[in-house]
Amino acid sequence: MEIPYTELSGDALRGVIEEFISREGTDYGHQEFGLDKKIAAVMRQLQAREIILTFDAETESCNLLRVK
């Protein structure tokens, strides 16, 4: 089920984003980006609805999914 990312506290959203970033791998081209820049990039994608926040009631977990 999709949930508005604005419904999470700042700390909770940051935790979901950090977990998402850690699963995305480390290929950032010729340049490495710090964690804060990666978090800002994910926030921009959330605001642009390029990715959405979902909640799975069965596993009681949140996830970020890329919109196709």
N, C-alpha and C. Protein backbone atom coordinates (compact mmCIF):
# COMPACT_ATOMS: atom_id res chain seq x y z
N MET A 1 0.85 -1.16 0.00
CA MET A 1 0.00 0.00 0.00
C MET A 1 0.91 1.23 0.00
N GLU A 2 0.59 2.19 -0.85
CA GLU A 2 1.36 3.43 -0.90
C GLU A 2 0.94 4.34 0.25
N ILE A 3 1.92 4.97 0.87
CA ILE A 3 1.64 5.95 1.92
C ILE A 3 2.41 7.23 1.62
N PRO A 4 1.85 8.38 1.96
CA PRO A 4 2.56 9.64 1.72
C PRO A 4 3.82 9.69 2.59
N TYR A 5 4.95 9.99 1.96
CA TYR A 5 6.20 10.06 2.73
C TYR A 5 6.15 11.16 3.78
N THR A 6 5.27 12.13 3.59
CA THR A 6 5.14 13.23 4.54
C THR A 6 4.49 12.78 5.85
N GLU A 7 3.92 11.57 5.87
CA GLU A 7 3.30 11.05 7.08
C GLU A 7 4.32 10.48 8.07
N LEU A 8 5.54 10.23 7.62
CA LEU A 8 6.58 9.70 8.50
C LEU A 8 7.30 10.85 9.20
N SER A 9 7.80 10.57 10.39
CA SER A 9 8.65 11.56 11.07
C SER A 9 9.94 11.70 10.28
N GLY A 10 10.64 12.78 10.48
CA GLY A 10 11.91 12.99 9.79
C GLY A 10 12.90 11.87 10.04
N ASP A 11 12.99 11.42 11.29
CA ASP A 11 13.92 10.35 11.63
C ASP A 11 13.52 9.03 10.96
N ALA A 12 12.24 8.73 10.96
CA ALA A 12 11.78 7.48 10.35
C ALA A 12 12.02 7.50 8.84
N LEU A 13 11.72 8.63 8.20
CA LEU A 13 11.93 8.73 6.76
C LEU A 13 13.41 8.61 6.43
N ARG A 14 14.26 9.26 7.21
CA ARG A 14 15.70 9.16 6.97
C ARG A 14 16.16 7.70 7.09
N GLY A 15 15.64 6.98 8.06
CA GLY A 15 16.00 5.57 8.21
C GLY A 15 15.60 4.73 7.01
N VAL A 16 14.40 4.97 6.49
CA VAL A 16 13.94 4.24 5.30
C VAL A 16 14.83 4.59 4.11
N ILE A 17 15.15 5.87 3.95
CA ILE A 17 16.00 6.31 2.84
C ILE A 17 17.40 5.71 2.95
N GLU A 18 17.98 5.73 4.14
CA GLU A 18 19.32 5.16 4.33
C GLU A 18 19.34 3.68 4.00
N GLU A 19 18.30 2.96 4.40
CA GLU A 19 18.22 1.53 4.09
C GLU A 19 18.09 1.32 2.59
N PHE A 20 17.31 2.15 1.92
CA PHE A 20 17.13 2.09 0.47
C PHE A 20 18.46 2.33 -0.23
N ILE A 21 19.19 3.35 0.21
CA ILE A 21 20.48 3.68 -0.39
C ILE A 21 21.46 2.52 -0.23
N SER A 22 21.44 1.88 0.92
CA SER A 22 22.38 0.78 1.16
C SER A 22 22.11 -0.41 0.24
N ARG A 23 20.89 -0.57 -0.23
CA ARG A 23 20.54 -1.66 -1.14
C ARG A 23 20.81 -1.32 -2.59
N GLU A 24 20.99 -0.04 -2.89
CA GLU A 24 21.11 0.40 -4.28
C GLU A 24 22.49 0.15 -4.88
N GLY A 25 23.45 -0.28 -4.09
CA GLY A 25 24.79 -0.52 -4.62
C GLY A 25 25.65 0.73 -4.54
N THR A 26 26.79 0.68 -5.18
CA THR A 26 27.74 1.78 -5.04
C THR A 26 28.18 2.37 -6.36
N ASP A 27 27.51 2.10 -7.46
CA ASP A 27 27.91 2.63 -8.75
C ASP A 27 27.32 4.01 -8.96
N TYR A 28 28.12 5.02 -8.69
CA TYR A 28 27.68 6.40 -8.87
C TYR A 28 28.49 7.09 -9.96
N GLY A 29 28.98 6.30 -10.91
CA GLY A 29 29.74 6.86 -12.01
C GLY A 29 31.16 7.19 -11.58
N HIS A 30 31.68 8.26 -12.14
CA HIS A 30 33.07 8.65 -11.90
C HIS A 30 33.25 9.39 -10.59
N GLN A 31 32.18 9.64 -9.89
CA GLN A 31 32.24 10.50 -8.72
C GLN A 31 31.48 9.84 -7.57
N GLU A 32 32.05 9.89 -6.39
CA GLU A 32 31.38 9.38 -5.20
C GLU A 32 30.61 10.51 -4.52
N PHE A 33 29.47 10.19 -3.94
CA PHE A 33 28.65 11.16 -3.25
C PHE A 33 28.52 10.75 -1.79
N GLY A 34 28.52 11.73 -0.90
CA GLY A 34 28.34 11.46 0.53
C GLY A 34 26.90 11.09 0.83
N LEU A 35 26.69 10.57 2.03
CA LEU A 35 25.36 10.12 2.44
C LEU A 35 24.34 11.25 2.37
N ASP A 36 24.69 12.44 2.83
CA ASP A 36 23.73 13.55 2.81
C ASP A 36 23.30 13.90 1.39
N LYS A 37 24.22 13.84 0.43
CA LYS A 37 23.86 14.13 -0.96
C LYS A 37 22.96 13.03 -1.53
N LYS A 38 23.24 11.79 -1.16
CA LYS A 38 22.40 10.68 -1.62
C LYS A 38 20.99 10.81 -1.05
N ILE A 39 20.90 11.17 0.24
CA ILE A 39 19.59 11.35 0.88
C ILE A 39 18.83 12.48 0.20
N ALA A 40 19.51 13.58 -0.09
CA ALA A 40 18.87 14.71 -0.77
C ALA A 40 18.37 14.29 -2.15
N ALA A 41 19.13 13.48 -2.86
CA ALA A 41 18.71 13.01 -4.18
C ALA A 41 17.46 12.15 -4.08
N VAL A 42 17.40 11.27 -3.08
CA VAL A 42 16.21 10.43 -2.89
C VAL A 42 15.01 11.30 -2.51
N MET A 43 15.22 12.30 -1.67
CA MET A 43 14.12 13.21 -1.30
C MET A 43 13.57 13.92 -2.54
N ARG A 44 14.46 14.36 -3.44
CA ARG A 44 14.00 15.00 -4.68
C ARG A 44 13.17 14.01 -5.51
N GLN A 45 13.60 12.76 -5.54
CA GLN A 45 12.85 11.74 -6.29
C GLN A 45 11.49 11.47 -5.65
N LEU A 46 11.42 11.49 -4.33
CA LEU A 46 10.13 11.34 -3.64
C LEU A 46 9.21 12.51 -3.98
N GLN A 47 9.74 13.72 -3.92
CA GLN A 47 8.94 14.91 -4.21
C GLN A 47 8.45 14.92 -5.65
N ALA A 48 9.26 14.39 -6.57
CA ALA A 48 8.89 14.34 -7.99
C ALA A 48 8.07 13.09 -8.32
N ARG A 49 7.82 12.24 -7.32
CA ARG A 49 7.08 10.99 -7.48
C ARG A 49 7.76 10.03 -8.45
N GLU A 50 9.09 10.10 -8.52
CA GLU A 50 9.86 9.12 -9.28
C GLU A 50 10.01 7.83 -8.48
N ILE A 51 9.93 7.96 -7.16
CA ILE A 51 9.88 6.82 -6.26
C ILE A 51 8.74 7.07 -5.28
N ILE A 52 8.18 6.00 -4.75
CA ILE A 52 7.08 6.12 -3.79
C ILE A 52 7.41 5.31 -2.54
N LEU A 53 6.77 5.68 -1.45
CA LEU A 53 6.92 4.97 -0.18
C LEU A 53 5.75 4.00 -0.04
N THR A 54 6.07 2.76 0.26
CA THR A 54 5.03 1.75 0.44
C THR A 54 5.14 1.12 1.82
N PHE A 55 4.04 0.55 2.28
CA PHE A 55 4.01 -0.17 3.55
C PHE A 55 3.41 -1.54 3.29
N ASP A 56 4.08 -2.57 3.76
CA ASP A 56 3.59 -3.94 3.65
C ASP A 56 3.08 -4.36 5.03
N ALA A 57 1.77 -4.53 5.15
CA ALA A 57 1.16 -4.86 6.44
C ALA A 57 1.59 -6.25 6.92
N GLU A 58 1.83 -7.16 5.99
CA GLU A 58 2.21 -8.52 6.38
C GLU A 58 3.58 -8.54 7.06
N THR A 59 4.54 -7.80 6.50
CA THR A 59 5.89 -7.77 7.08
C THR A 59 6.08 -6.57 8.00
N GLU A 60 5.08 -5.69 8.04
CA GLU A 60 5.14 -4.46 8.84
C GLU A 60 6.40 -3.66 8.54
N SER A 61 6.67 -3.48 7.23
CA SER A 61 7.86 -2.75 6.83
C SER A 61 7.55 -1.75 5.73
N CYS A 62 8.37 -0.70 5.69
CA CYS A 62 8.28 0.32 4.64
C CYS A 62 9.34 0.05 3.59
N ASN A 63 9.07 0.51 2.38
CA ASN A 63 10.01 0.33 1.29
C ASN A 63 9.84 1.49 0.31
N LEU A 64 10.90 1.81 -0.40
CA LEU A 64 10.83 2.79 -1.47
C LEU A 64 10.90 2.03 -2.79
N LEU A 65 10.00 2.36 -3.70
CA LEU A 65 9.94 1.70 -5.00
C LEU A 65 10.02 2.73 -6.11
N ARG A 66 10.79 2.40 -7.13
CA ARG A 66 10.87 3.27 -8.30
C ARG A 66 9.58 3.14 -9.10
N VAL A 67 9.06 4.28 -9.55
CA VAL A 67 7.85 4.30 -10.38
C VAL A 67 8.28 4.08 -11.82
N LYS A 68 7.56 3.21 -12.49
CA LYS A 68 7.91 2.91 -13.89
C LYS A 68 7.16 3.79 -14.84
